[in-house]
Structures are given as C-alpha cells and as structure tokens.
Amino acid sequence: RAIVRNPQVFLMDEPLSNLDAKLRVQTRTQIASLQKRL
C-alpha cells in the first residue's frame, strides 16, 4: 500500500512487532532488501 503511492519518504513505525521471532528475522531482511531496490 505504501509502495504503490511512489512517495518521497517511507515512514515505518515498528512494523514487525506483531510477528513471531522467526518471521521477524525473515521479514526484516526482505524490507531492507526492498528499500535498497526502491
């Protein structure tokens, strides 16, 4: 939903806090990789 808007700035407020520990590790890698790509 954030990506489709093509904003100048992404703001993320603890987006992984509701995920379990294993999924948090996996998802934080995906977010960091995605940010580098975009």
PDB file of all heavy atoms in Angstrom:
ATOM      1  N   ARG A   1       0.831  -1.206   0.000  1.00  0.00           N
ATOM      2  CA  ARG A   1       0.000   0.000   0.000  1.00  0.00           C
ATOM      3  C   ARG A   1       0.864   1.254   0.000  1.00  0.00           C
ATOM      4  O   ARG A   1       0.506   2.277  -0.605  1.00  0.00           O
ATOM      5  CB  ARG A   1      -0.915  -0.021   1.224  1.00  0.00           C
ATOM      6  CG  ARG A   1      -1.907   1.117   1.296  1.00  0.00           C
ATOM      7  CD  ARG A   1      -2.820   0.952   2.484  1.00  0.00           C
ATOM      8  NE  ARG A   1      -2.057   0.770   3.713  1.00  0.00           N
ATOM      9  CZ  ARG A   1      -2.581   0.333   4.861  1.00  0.00           C
ATOM     10  NH1 ARG A   1      -3.860   0.019   4.911  1.00  0.00           N
ATOM     11  NH2 ARG A   1      -1.827   0.211   5.926  1.00  0.00           N
ATOM     12  N   ALA A   2       2.012   1.184   0.683  1.00  0.00           N
ATOM     13  CA  ALA A   2       2.928   2.326   0.695  1.00  0.00           C
ATOM     14  C   ALA A   2       3.681   2.447  -0.632  1.00  0.00           C
ATOM     15  O   ALA A   2       3.853   3.542  -1.169  1.00  0.00           O
ATOM     16  CB  ALA A   2       3.920   2.169   1.848  1.00  0.00           C
ATOM     17  N   ILE A   3       4.098   1.317  -1.183  1.00  0.00           N
ATOM     18  CA  ILE A   3       4.903   1.321  -2.410  1.00  0.00           C
ATOM     19  C   ILE A   3       4.137   1.903  -3.593  1.00  0.00           C
ATOM     20  O   ILE A   3       4.685   2.671  -4.390  1.00  0.00           O
ATOM     21  CB  ILE A   3       5.385  -0.112  -2.734  1.00  0.00           C
ATOM     22  CG1 ILE A   3       6.444  -0.556  -1.721  1.00  0.00           C
ATOM     23  CG2 ILE A   3       5.949  -0.193  -4.152  1.00  0.00           C
ATOM     24  CD1 ILE A   3       6.792  -2.034  -1.830  1.00  0.00           C
ATOM     25  N   VAL A   4       2.852   1.547  -3.726  1.00  0.00           N
ATOM     26  CA  VAL A   4       2.098   1.973  -4.910  1.00  0.00           C
ATOM     27  C   VAL A   4       1.965   3.491  -5.002  1.00  0.00           C
ATOM     28  O   VAL A   4       1.723   4.043  -6.074  1.00  0.00           O
ATOM     29  CB  VAL A   4       0.684   1.337  -4.948  1.00  0.00           C
ATOM     30  CG1 VAL A   4       0.769  -0.164  -5.051  1.00  0.00           C
ATOM     31  CG2 VAL A   4      -0.159   1.771  -3.751  1.00  0.00           C
ATOM     32  N   ARG A   5       2.158   4.172  -3.889  1.00  0.00           N
ATOM     33  CA  ARG A   5       1.998   5.627  -3.891  1.00  0.00           C
ATOM     34  C   ARG A   5       3.235   6.353  -4.431  1.00  0.00           C
ATOM     35  O   ARG A   5       3.199   7.551  -4.659  1.00  0.00           O
ATOM     36  CB  ARG A   5       1.688   6.103  -2.469  1.00  0.00           C
ATOM     37  CG  ARG A   5       0.355   5.594  -1.948  1.00  0.00           C
ATOM     38  CD  ARG A   5       0.105   6.015  -0.520  1.00  0.00           C
ATOM     39  NE  ARG A   5       0.124   7.478  -0.384  1.00  0.00           N
ATOM     40  CZ  ARG A   5       0.070   8.111   0.789  1.00  0.00           C
ATOM     41  NH1 ARG A   5       0.012   7.418   1.909  1.00  0.00           N
ATOM     42  NH2 ARG A   5       0.079   9.418   0.825  1.00  0.00           N
ATOM     43  N   ASN A   6       4.352   5.621  -4.603  1.00  0.00           N
ATOM     44  CA  ASN A   6       5.598   6.238  -5.068  1.00  0.00           C
ATOM     45  C   ASN A   6       5.944   7.501  -4.274  1.00  0.00           C
ATOM     46  O   ASN A   6       6.162   8.578  -4.833  1.00  0.00           O
ATOM     47  CB  ASN A   6       5.517   6.595  -6.558  1.00  0.00           C
ATOM     48  CG  ASN A   6       5.366   5.378  -7.433  1.00  0.00           C
ATOM     49  OD1 ASN A   6       5.888   4.310  -7.107  1.00  0.00           O
ATOM     50  ND2 ASN A   6       4.657   5.517  -8.539  1.00  0.00           N
ATOM     51  N   PRO A   7       6.003   7.402  -2.932  1.00  0.00           N
ATOM     52  CA  PRO A   7       6.231   8.592  -2.112  1.00  0.00           C
ATOM     53  C   PRO A   7       7.697   9.014  -2.129  1.00  0.00           C
ATOM     54  O   PRO A   7       8.576   8.266  -2.573  1.00  0.00           O
ATOM     55  CB  PRO A   7       5.832   8.120  -0.718  1.00  0.00           C
ATOM     56  CG  PRO A   7       6.238   6.673  -0.724  1.00  0.00           C
ATOM     57  CD  PRO A   7       5.936   6.180  -2.121  1.00  0.00           C
ATOM     58  N   GLN A   8       7.958  10.203  -1.622  1.00  0.00           N
ATOM     59  CA  GLN A   8       9.339  10.653  -1.461  1.00  0.00           C
ATOM     60  C   GLN A   8       9.991   9.982  -0.256  1.00  0.00           C
ATOM     61  O   GLN A   8      11.202   9.773  -0.243  1.00  0.00           O
ATOM     62  CB  GLN A   8       9.389  12.175  -1.265  1.00  0.00           C
ATOM     63  CG  GLN A   8       9.026  12.979  -2.494  1.00  0.00           C
ATOM     64  CD  GLN A   8       9.421  14.429  -2.329  1.00  0.00           C
ATOM     65  OE1 GLN A   8      10.587  14.815  -2.501  1.00  0.00           O
ATOM     66  NE2 GLN A   8       8.452  15.255  -1.972  1.00  0.00           N
ATOM     67  N   VAL A   9       9.177   9.668   0.768  1.00  0.00           N
ATOM     68  CA  VAL A   9       9.712   9.114   2.016  1.00  0.00           C
ATOM     69  C   VAL A   9       8.787   8.020   2.537  1.00  0.00           C
ATOM     70  O   VAL A   9       7.566   8.189   2.566  1.00  0.00           O
ATOM     71  CB  VAL A   9       9.854  10.215   3.101  1.00  0.00           C
ATOM     72  CG1 VAL A   9      10.504   9.639   4.364  1.00  0.00           C
ATOM     73  CG2 VAL A   9      10.669  11.392   2.586  1.00  0.00           C
ATOM     74  N   PHE A  10       9.380   6.884   2.944  1.00  0.00           N
ATOM     75  CA  PHE A  10       8.667   5.841   3.679  1.00  0.00           C
ATOM     76  C   PHE A  10       8.872   6.075   5.174  1.00  0.00           C
ATOM     77  O   PHE A  10      10.006   6.313   5.622  1.00  0.00           O
ATOM     78  CB  PHE A  10       9.213   4.448   3.363  1.00  0.00           C
ATOM     79  CG  PHE A  10       8.811   3.889   2.035  1.00  0.00           C
ATOM     80  CD1 PHE A  10       9.694   3.090   1.322  1.00  0.00           C
ATOM     81  CD2 PHE A  10       7.559   4.124   1.504  1.00  0.00           C
ATOM     82  CE1 PHE A  10       9.340   2.554   0.091  1.00  0.00           C
ATOM     83  CE2 PHE A  10       7.191   3.595   0.274  1.00  0.00           C
ATOM     84  CZ  PHE A  10       8.082   2.813  -0.431  1.00  0.00           C
ATOM     85  N   LEU A  11       7.803   5.959   5.950  1.00  0.00           N
ATOM     86  CA  LEU A  11       7.887   6.007   7.410  1.00  0.00           C
ATOM     87  C   LEU A  11       7.347   4.699   7.957  1.00  0.00           C
ATOM     88  O   LEU A  11       6.240   4.293   7.593  1.00  0.00           O
ATOM     89  CB  LEU A  11       7.081   7.184   7.959  1.00  0.00           C
ATOM     90  CG  LEU A  11       7.389   8.572   7.383  1.00  0.00           C
ATOM     91  CD1 LEU A  11       6.515   9.624   8.050  1.00  0.00           C
ATOM     92  CD2 LEU A  11       8.860   8.916   7.542  1.00  0.00           C
ATOM     93  N   MET A  12       8.112   4.042   8.823  1.00  0.00           N
ATOM     94  CA  MET A  12       7.695   2.738   9.356  1.00  0.00           C
ATOM     95  C   MET A  12       7.802   2.754  10.873  1.00  0.00           C
ATOM     96  O   MET A  12       8.880   2.977  11.424  1.00  0.00           O
ATOM     97  CB  MET A  12       8.571   1.620   8.777  1.00  0.00           C
ATOM     98  CG  MET A  12       8.552   1.561   7.271  1.00  0.00           C
ATOM     99  SD  MET A  12       9.401   0.108   6.619  1.00  0.00           S
ATOM    100  CE  MET A  12       9.442   0.515   4.877  1.00  0.00           C
ATOM    101  N   ASP A  13       6.662   2.525  11.534  1.00  0.00           N
ATOM    102  CA  ASP A  13       6.602   2.565  12.990  1.00  0.00           C
ATOM    103  C   ASP A  13       6.444   1.159  13.554  1.00  0.00           C
ATOM    104  O   ASP A  13       5.343   0.629  13.622  1.00  0.00           O
ATOM    105  CB  ASP A  13       5.434   3.454  13.436  1.00  0.00           C
ATOM    106  CG  ASP A  13       5.466   3.751  14.926  1.00  0.00           C
ATOM    107  OD1 ASP A  13       6.436   3.355  15.592  1.00  0.00           O
ATOM    108  OD2 ASP A  13       4.520   4.387  15.415  1.00  0.00           O
ATOM    109  N   GLU A  14       7.564   0.541  13.917  1.00  0.00           N
ATOM    110  CA  GLU A  14       7.615  -0.811  14.482  1.00  0.00           C
ATOM    111  C   GLU A  14       6.737  -1.797  13.690  1.00  0.00           C
ATOM    112  O   GLU A  14       5.875  -2.472  14.259  1.00  0.00           O
ATOM    113  CB  GLU A  14       7.197  -0.792  15.954  1.00  0.00           C
ATOM    114  CG  GLU A  14       8.047   0.165  16.770  1.00  0.00           C
ATOM    115  CD  GLU A  14       8.185  -0.250  18.225  1.00  0.00           C
ATOM    116  OE1 GLU A  14       8.282  -1.462  18.482  1.00  0.00           O
ATOM    117  OE2 GLU A  14       8.226   0.638  19.069  1.00  0.00           O
ATOM    118  N   PRO A  15       6.944  -1.909  12.381  1.00  0.00           N
ATOM    119  CA  PRO A  15       6.059  -2.740  11.547  1.00  0.00           C
ATOM    120  C   PRO A  15       6.187  -4.234  11.795  1.00  0.00           C
ATOM    121  O   PRO A  15       5.329  -4.998  11.339  1.00  0.00           O
ATOM    122  CB  PRO A  15       6.501  -2.388  10.124  1.00  0.00           C
ATOM    123  CG  PRO A  15       7.936  -2.008  10.252  1.00  0.00           C
ATOM    124  CD  PRO A  15       8.019  -1.290  11.574  1.00  0.00           C
ATOM    125  N   LEU A  16       7.235  -4.675  12.496  1.00  0.00           N
ATOM    126  CA  LEU A  16       7.447  -6.116  12.682  1.00  0.00           C
ATOM    127  C   LEU A  16       7.084  -6.601  14.079  1.00  0.00           C
ATOM    128  O   LEU A  16       7.230  -7.786  14.376  1.00  0.00           O
ATOM    129  CB  LEU A  16       8.914  -6.474  12.399  1.00  0.00           C
ATOM    130  CG  LEU A  16       9.481  -6.018  11.054  1.00  0.00           C
ATOM    131  CD1 LEU A  16      10.905  -6.526  10.892  1.00  0.00           C
ATOM    132  CD2 LEU A  16       8.605  -6.484   9.908  1.00  0.00           C
ATOM    133  N   SER A  17       6.615  -5.708  14.937  1.00  0.00           N
ATOM    134  CA  SER A  17       6.435  -6.068  16.346  1.00  0.00           C
ATOM    135  C   SER A  17       5.336  -7.107  16.569  1.00  0.00           C
ATOM    136  O   SER A  17       5.310  -7.763  17.610  1.00  0.00           O
ATOM    137  CB  SER A  17       6.131  -4.824  17.181  1.00  0.00           C
ATOM    138  OG  SER A  17       4.978  -4.170  16.711  1.00  0.00           O
ATOM    139  N   ASN A  18       4.416  -7.273  15.610  1.00  0.00           N
ATOM    140  CA  ASN A  18       3.343  -8.262  15.773  1.00  0.00           C
ATOM    141  C   ASN A  18       3.693  -9.639  15.207  1.00  0.00           C
ATOM    142  O   ASN A  18       2.857 -10.549  15.252  1.00  0.00           O
ATOM    143  CB  ASN A  18       2.055  -7.762  15.100  1.00  0.00           C
ATOM    144  CG  ASN A  18       1.454  -6.572  15.828  1.00  0.00           C
ATOM    145  OD1 ASN A  18       1.661  -6.420  17.025  1.00  0.00           O
ATOM    146  ND2 ASN A  18       0.737  -5.736  15.115  1.00  0.00           N
ATOM    147  N   LEU A  19       4.894  -9.781  14.675  1.00  0.00           N
ATOM    148  CA  LEU A  19       5.297 -11.053  14.077  1.00  0.00           C
ATOM    149  C   LEU A  19       6.088 -11.897  15.071  1.00  0.00           C
ATOM    150  O   LEU A  19       6.735 -11.369  15.981  1.00  0.00           O
ATOM    151  CB  LEU A  19       6.157 -10.799  12.831  1.00  0.00           C
ATOM    152  CG  LEU A  19       5.542  -9.931  11.734  1.00  0.00           C
ATOM    153  CD1 LEU A  19       6.511  -9.809  10.566  1.00  0.00           C
ATOM    154  CD2 LEU A  19       4.210 -10.498  11.264  1.00  0.00           C
ATOM    155  N   ASP A  20       6.060 -13.222  14.874  1.00  0.00           N
ATOM    156  CA  ASP A  20       6.865 -14.078  15.742  1.00  0.00           C
ATOM    157  C   ASP A  20       8.343 -13.928  15.390  1.00  0.00           C
ATOM    158  O   ASP A  20       8.703 -13.373  14.345  1.00  0.00           O
ATOM    159  CB  ASP A  20       6.431 -15.545  15.637  1.00  0.00           C
ATOM    160  CG  ASP A  20       6.616 -16.122  14.242  1.00  0.00           C
ATOM    161  OD1 ASP A  20       7.762 -16.150  13.757  1.00  0.00           O
ATOM    162  OD2 ASP A  20       5.620 -16.558  13.632  1.00  0.00           O
ATOM    163  N   ALA A  21       9.212 -14.431  16.284  1.00  0.00           N
ATOM    164  CA  ALA A  21      10.652 -14.164  16.189  1.00  0.00           C
ATOM    165  C   ALA A  21      11.244 -14.609  14.851  1.00  0.00           C
ATOM    166  O   ALA A  21      12.011 -13.861  14.220  1.00  0.00           O
ATOM    167  CB  ALA A  21      11.381 -14.856  17.342  1.00  0.00           C
ATOM    168  N   LYS A  22      10.900 -15.812  14.392  1.00  0.00           N
ATOM    169  CA  LYS A  22      11.470 -16.335  13.143  1.00  0.00           C
ATOM    170  C   LYS A  22      11.034 -15.490  11.951  1.00  0.00           C
ATOM    171  O   LYS A  22      11.835 -15.151  11.072  1.00  0.00           O
ATOM    172  CB  LYS A  22      11.062 -17.786  12.949  1.00  0.00           C
ATOM    173  CG  LYS A  22      11.689 -18.435  11.719  1.00  0.00           C
ATOM    174  CD  LYS A  22      11.315 -19.910  11.615  1.00  0.00           C
ATOM    175  CE  LYS A  22      11.953 -20.553  10.391  1.00  0.00           C
ATOM    176  NZ  LYS A  22      11.586 -21.987  10.278  1.00  0.00           N
ATOM    177  N   LEU A  23       9.743 -15.125  11.919  1.00  0.00           N
ATOM    178  CA  LEU A  23       9.225 -14.338  10.810  1.00  0.00           C
ATOM    179  C   LEU A  23       9.781 -12.919  10.824  1.00  0.00           C
ATOM    180  O   LEU A  23       9.986 -12.310   9.776  1.00  0.00           O
ATOM    181  CB  LEU A  23       7.696 -14.308  10.873  1.00  0.00           C
ATOM    182  CG  LEU A  23       6.955 -13.792   9.632  1.00  0.00           C
ATOM    183  CD1 LEU A  23       7.390 -14.560   8.390  1.00  0.00           C
ATOM    184  CD2 LEU A  23       5.447 -13.908   9.829  1.00  0.00           C
ATOM    185  N   ARG A  24      10.062 -12.394  12.017  1.00  0.00           N
ATOM    186  CA  ARG A  24      10.653 -11.057  12.118  1.00  0.00           C
ATOM    187  C   ARG A  24      12.020 -11.036  11.439  1.00  0.00           C
ATOM    188  O   ARG A  24      12.346 -10.099  10.709  1.00  0.00           O
ATOM    189  CB  ARG A  24      10.814 -10.640  13.583  1.00  0.00           C
ATOM    190  CG  ARG A  24       9.536 -10.223  14.236  1.00  0.00           C
ATOM    191  CD  ARG A  24       9.763  -9.744  15.643  1.00  0.00           C
ATOM    192  NE  ARG A  24      10.414  -8.433  15.650  1.00  0.00           N
ATOM    193  CZ  ARG A  24      10.370  -7.616  16.677  1.00  0.00           C
ATOM    194  NH1 ARG A  24       9.713  -7.942  17.765  1.00  0.00           N
ATOM    195  NH2 ARG A  24      10.977  -6.453  16.625  1.00  0.00           N
ATOM    196  N   VAL A  25      12.823 -12.048  11.703  1.00  0.00           N
ATOM    197  CA  VAL A  25      14.161 -12.114  11.103  1.00  0.00           C
ATOM    198  C   VAL A  25      14.052 -12.177   9.586  1.00  0.00           C
ATOM    199  O   VAL A  25      14.760 -11.467   8.863  1.00  0.00           O
ATOM    200  CB  VAL A  25      14.941 -13.340  11.641  1.00  0.00           C
ATOM    201  CG1 VAL A  25      16.251 -13.506  10.887  1.00  0.00           C
ATOM    202  CG2 VAL A  25      15.202 -13.185  13.130  1.00  0.00           C
ATOM    203  N   GLN A  26      13.148 -13.016   9.098  1.00  0.00           N
ATOM    204  CA  GLN A  26      12.962 -13.168   7.650  1.00  0.00           C
ATOM    205  C   GLN A  26      12.452 -11.874   7.020  1.00  0.00           C
ATOM    206  O   GLN A  26      12.945 -11.432   5.975  1.00  0.00           O
ATOM    207  CB  GLN A  26      11.961 -14.299   7.399  1.00  0.00           C
ATOM    208  CG  GLN A  26      11.590 -14.492   5.933  1.00  0.00           C
ATOM    209  CD  GLN A  26      10.490 -15.529   5.764  1.00  0.00           C
ATOM    210  OE1 GLN A  26      10.301 -16.398   6.605  1.00  0.00           O
ATOM    211  NE2 GLN A  26       9.747 -15.424   4.677  1.00  0.00           N
ATOM    212  N   THR A  27      11.475 -11.233   7.670  1.00  0.00           N
ATOM    213  CA  THR A  27      10.827 -10.061   7.086  1.00  0.00           C
ATOM    214  C   THR A  27      11.729  -8.832   7.131  1.00  0.00           C
ATOM    215  O   THR A  27      11.709  -8.009   6.212  1.00  0.00           O
ATOM    216  CB  THR A  27       9.496  -9.765   7.807  1.00  0.00           C
ATOM    217  OG1 THR A  27       8.710 -10.952   7.836  1.00  0.00           O
ATOM    218  CG2 THR A  27       8.720  -8.673   7.080  1.00  0.00           C
ATOM    219  N   ARG A  28      12.521  -8.687   8.182  1.00  0.00           N
ATOM    220  CA  ARG A  28      13.411  -7.513   8.235  1.00  0.00           C
ATOM    221  C   ARG A  28      14.441  -7.572   7.106  1.00  0.00           C
ATOM    222  O   ARG A  28      14.823  -6.541   6.556  1.00  0.00           O
ATOM    223  CB  ARG A  28      14.080  -7.385   9.602  1.00  0.00           C
ATOM    224  CG  ARG A  28      15.204  -8.339   9.904  1.00  0.00           C
ATOM    225  CD  ARG A  28      15.612  -8.246  11.356  1.00  0.00           C
ATOM    226  NE  ARG A  28      16.775  -9.063  11.658  1.00  0.00           N
ATOM    227  CZ  ARG A  28      17.041  -9.550  12.866  1.00  0.00           C
ATOM    228  NH1 ARG A  28      16.223  -9.305  13.879  1.00  0.00           N
ATOM    229  NH2 ARG A  28      18.118 -10.270  13.070  1.00  0.00           N
ATOM    230  N   THR A  29      14.862  -8.780   6.741  1.00  0.00           N
ATOM    231  CA  THR A  29      15.770  -8.930   5.606  1.00  0.00           C
ATOM    232  C   THR A  29      15.080  -8.506   4.318  1.00  0.00           C
ATOM    233  O   THR A  29      15.671  -7.818   3.472  1.00  0.00           O
ATOM    234  CB  THR A  29      16.236 -10.399   5.494  1.00  0.00           C
ATOM    235  OG1 THR A  29      16.846 -10.792   6.712  1.00  0.00           O
ATOM    236  CG2 THR A  29      17.225 -10.570   4.358  1.00  0.00           C
ATOM    237  N   GLN A  30      13.821  -8.901   4.174  1.00  0.00           N
ATOM    238  CA  GLN A  30      13.057  -8.540   2.974  1.00  0.00           C
ATOM    239  C   GLN A  30      12.859  -7.030   2.871  1.00  0.00           C
ATOM    240  O   GLN A  30      12.981  -6.442   1.794  1.00  0.00           O
ATOM    241  CB  GLN A  30      11.702  -9.249   2.998  1.00  0.00           C
ATOM    242  CG  GLN A  30      11.789 -10.763   2.838  1.00  0.00           C
ATOM    243  CD  GLN A  30      10.451 -11.443   3.058  1.00  0.00           C
ATOM    244  OE1 GLN A  30       9.527 -10.867   3.630  1.00  0.00           O
ATOM    245  NE2 GLN A  30      10.344 -12.694   2.601  1.00  0.00           N
ATOM    246  N   ILE A  31      12.553  -6.387   4.003  1.00  0.00           N
ATOM    247  CA  ILE A  31      12.325  -4.937   3.996  1.00  0.00           C
ATOM    248  C   ILE A  31      13.601  -4.192   3.627  1.00  0.00           C
ATOM    249  O   ILE A  31      13.585  -3.272   2.809  1.00  0.00           O
ATOM    250  CB  ILE A  31      11.792  -4.457   5.362  1.00  0.00           C
ATOM    251  CG1 ILE A  31      10.363  -4.949   5.572  1.00  0.00           C
ATOM    252  CG2 ILE A  31      11.845  -2.932   5.462  1.00  0.00           C
ATOM    253  CD1 ILE A  31       9.779  -4.585   6.920  1.00  0.00           C
ATOM    254  N   ALA A  32      14.723  -4.586   4.232  1.00  0.00           N
ATOM    255  CA  ALA A  32      15.996  -3.923   3.940  1.00  0.00           C
ATOM    256  C   ALA A  32      16.362  -4.091   2.465  1.00  0.00           C
ATOM    257  O   ALA A  32      16.812  -3.145   1.807  1.00  0.00           O
ATOM    258  CB  ALA A  32      17.095  -4.482   4.836  1.00  0.00           C
ATOM    259  N   SER A  33      16.167  -5.300   1.940  1.00  0.00           N
ATOM    260  CA  SER A  33      16.466  -5.568   0.529  1.00  0.00           C
ATOM    261  C   SER A  33      15.557  -4.764  -0.386  1.00  0.00           C
ATOM    262  O   SER A  33      15.991  -4.198  -1.391  1.00  0.00           O
ATOM    263  CB  SER A  33      16.323  -7.069   0.262  1.00  0.00           C
ATOM    264  OG  SER A  33      16.512  -7.355  -1.099  1.00  0.00           O
ATOM    265  N   LEU A  34      14.274  -4.694  -0.029  1.00  0.00           N
ATOM    266  CA  LEU A  34      13.296  -3.950  -0.819  1.00  0.00           C
ATOM    267  C   LEU A  34      13.631  -2.463  -0.851  1.00  0.00           C
ATOM    268  O   LEU A  34      13.563  -1.810  -1.895  1.00  0.00           O
ATOM    269  CB  LEU A  34      11.901  -4.167  -0.228  1.00  0.00           C
ATOM    270  CG  LEU A  34      10.748  -3.410  -0.891  1.00  0.00           C
ATOM    271  CD1 LEU A  34      10.569  -3.877  -2.329  1.00  0.00           C
ATOM    272  CD2 LEU A  34       9.458  -3.629  -0.105  1.00  0.00           C
ATOM    273  N   GLN A  35      14.020  -1.918   0.306  1.00  0.00           N
ATOM    274  CA  GLN A  35      14.359  -0.495   0.370  1.00  0.00           C
ATOM    275  C   GLN A  35      15.551  -0.173  -0.520  1.00  0.00           C
ATOM    276  O   GLN A  35      15.574   0.853  -1.211  1.00  0.00           O
ATOM    277  CB  GLN A  35      14.642  -0.097   1.827  1.00  0.00           C
ATOM    278  CG  GLN A  35      14.735   1.402   2.058  1.00  0.00           C
ATOM    279  CD  GLN A  35      16.117   1.972   1.799  1.00  0.00           C
ATOM    280  OE1 GLN A  35      17.108   1.244   1.823  1.00  0.00           O
ATOM    281  NE2 GLN A  35      16.195   3.271   1.550  1.00  0.00           N
ATOM    282  N   LYS A  36      16.539  -1.056  -0.534  1.00  0.00           N
ATOM    283  CA  LYS A  36      17.704  -0.844  -1.395  1.00  0.00           C
ATOM    284  C   LYS A  36      17.289  -0.866  -2.871  1.00  0.00           C
ATOM    285  O   LYS A  36      17.769  -0.079  -3.676  1.00  0.00           O
ATOM    286  CB  LYS A  36      18.746  -1.934  -1.130  1.00  0.00           C
ATOM    287  CG  LYS A  36      19.446  -1.834   0.214  1.00  0.00           C
ATOM    288  CD  LYS A  36      20.406  -0.658   0.231  1.00  0.00           C
ATOM    289  CE  LYS A  36      21.155  -0.580   1.560  1.00  0.00           C
ATOM    290  NZ  LYS A  36      20.288  -0.224   2.690  1.00  0.00           N
ATOM    291  N   ARG A  37      16.376  -1.758  -3.187  1.00  0.00           N
ATOM    292  CA  ARG A  37      15.918  -1.892  -4.574  1.00  0.00           C
ATOM    293  C   ARG A  37      15.144  -0.655  -5.030  1.00  0.00           C
ATOM    294  O   ARG A  37      15.332  -0.163  -6.138  1.00  0.00           O
ATOM    295  CB  ARG A  37      15.042  -3.138  -4.688  1.00  0.00           C
ATOM    296  CG  ARG A  37      14.479  -3.373  -6.077  1.00  0.00           C
ATOM    297  CD  ARG A  37      13.702  -4.682  -6.101  1.00  0.00           C
ATOM    298  NE  ARG A  37      13.009  -4.876  -7.371  1.00  0.00           N
ATOM    299  CZ  ARG A  37      12.235  -5.921  -7.634  1.00  0.00           C
ATOM    300  NH1 ARG A  37      12.079  -6.866  -6.735  1.00  0.00           N
ATOM    301  NH2 ARG A  37      11.636  -6.027  -8.805  1.00  0.00           N
ATOM    302  N   LEU A  38      14.277  -0.135  -4.142  1.00  0.00           N
ATOM    303  CA  LEU A  38      13.447   1.008  -4.497  1.00  0.00           C
ATOM    304  C   LEU A  38      14.188   2.332  -4.361  1.00  0.00           C
ATOM    305  O   LEU A  38      13.868   3.303  -5.050  1.00  0.00           O
ATOM    306  CB  LEU A  38      12.188   1.034  -3.618  1.00  0.00           C
ATOM    307  CG  LEU A  38      11.242  -0.169  -3.746  1.00  0.00           C
ATOM    308  CD1 LEU A  38      10.135  -0.073  -2.717  1.00  0.00           C
ATOM    309  CD2 LEU A  38      10.662  -0.248  -5.151  1.00  0.00           C
TER     310      LEU A  38
END
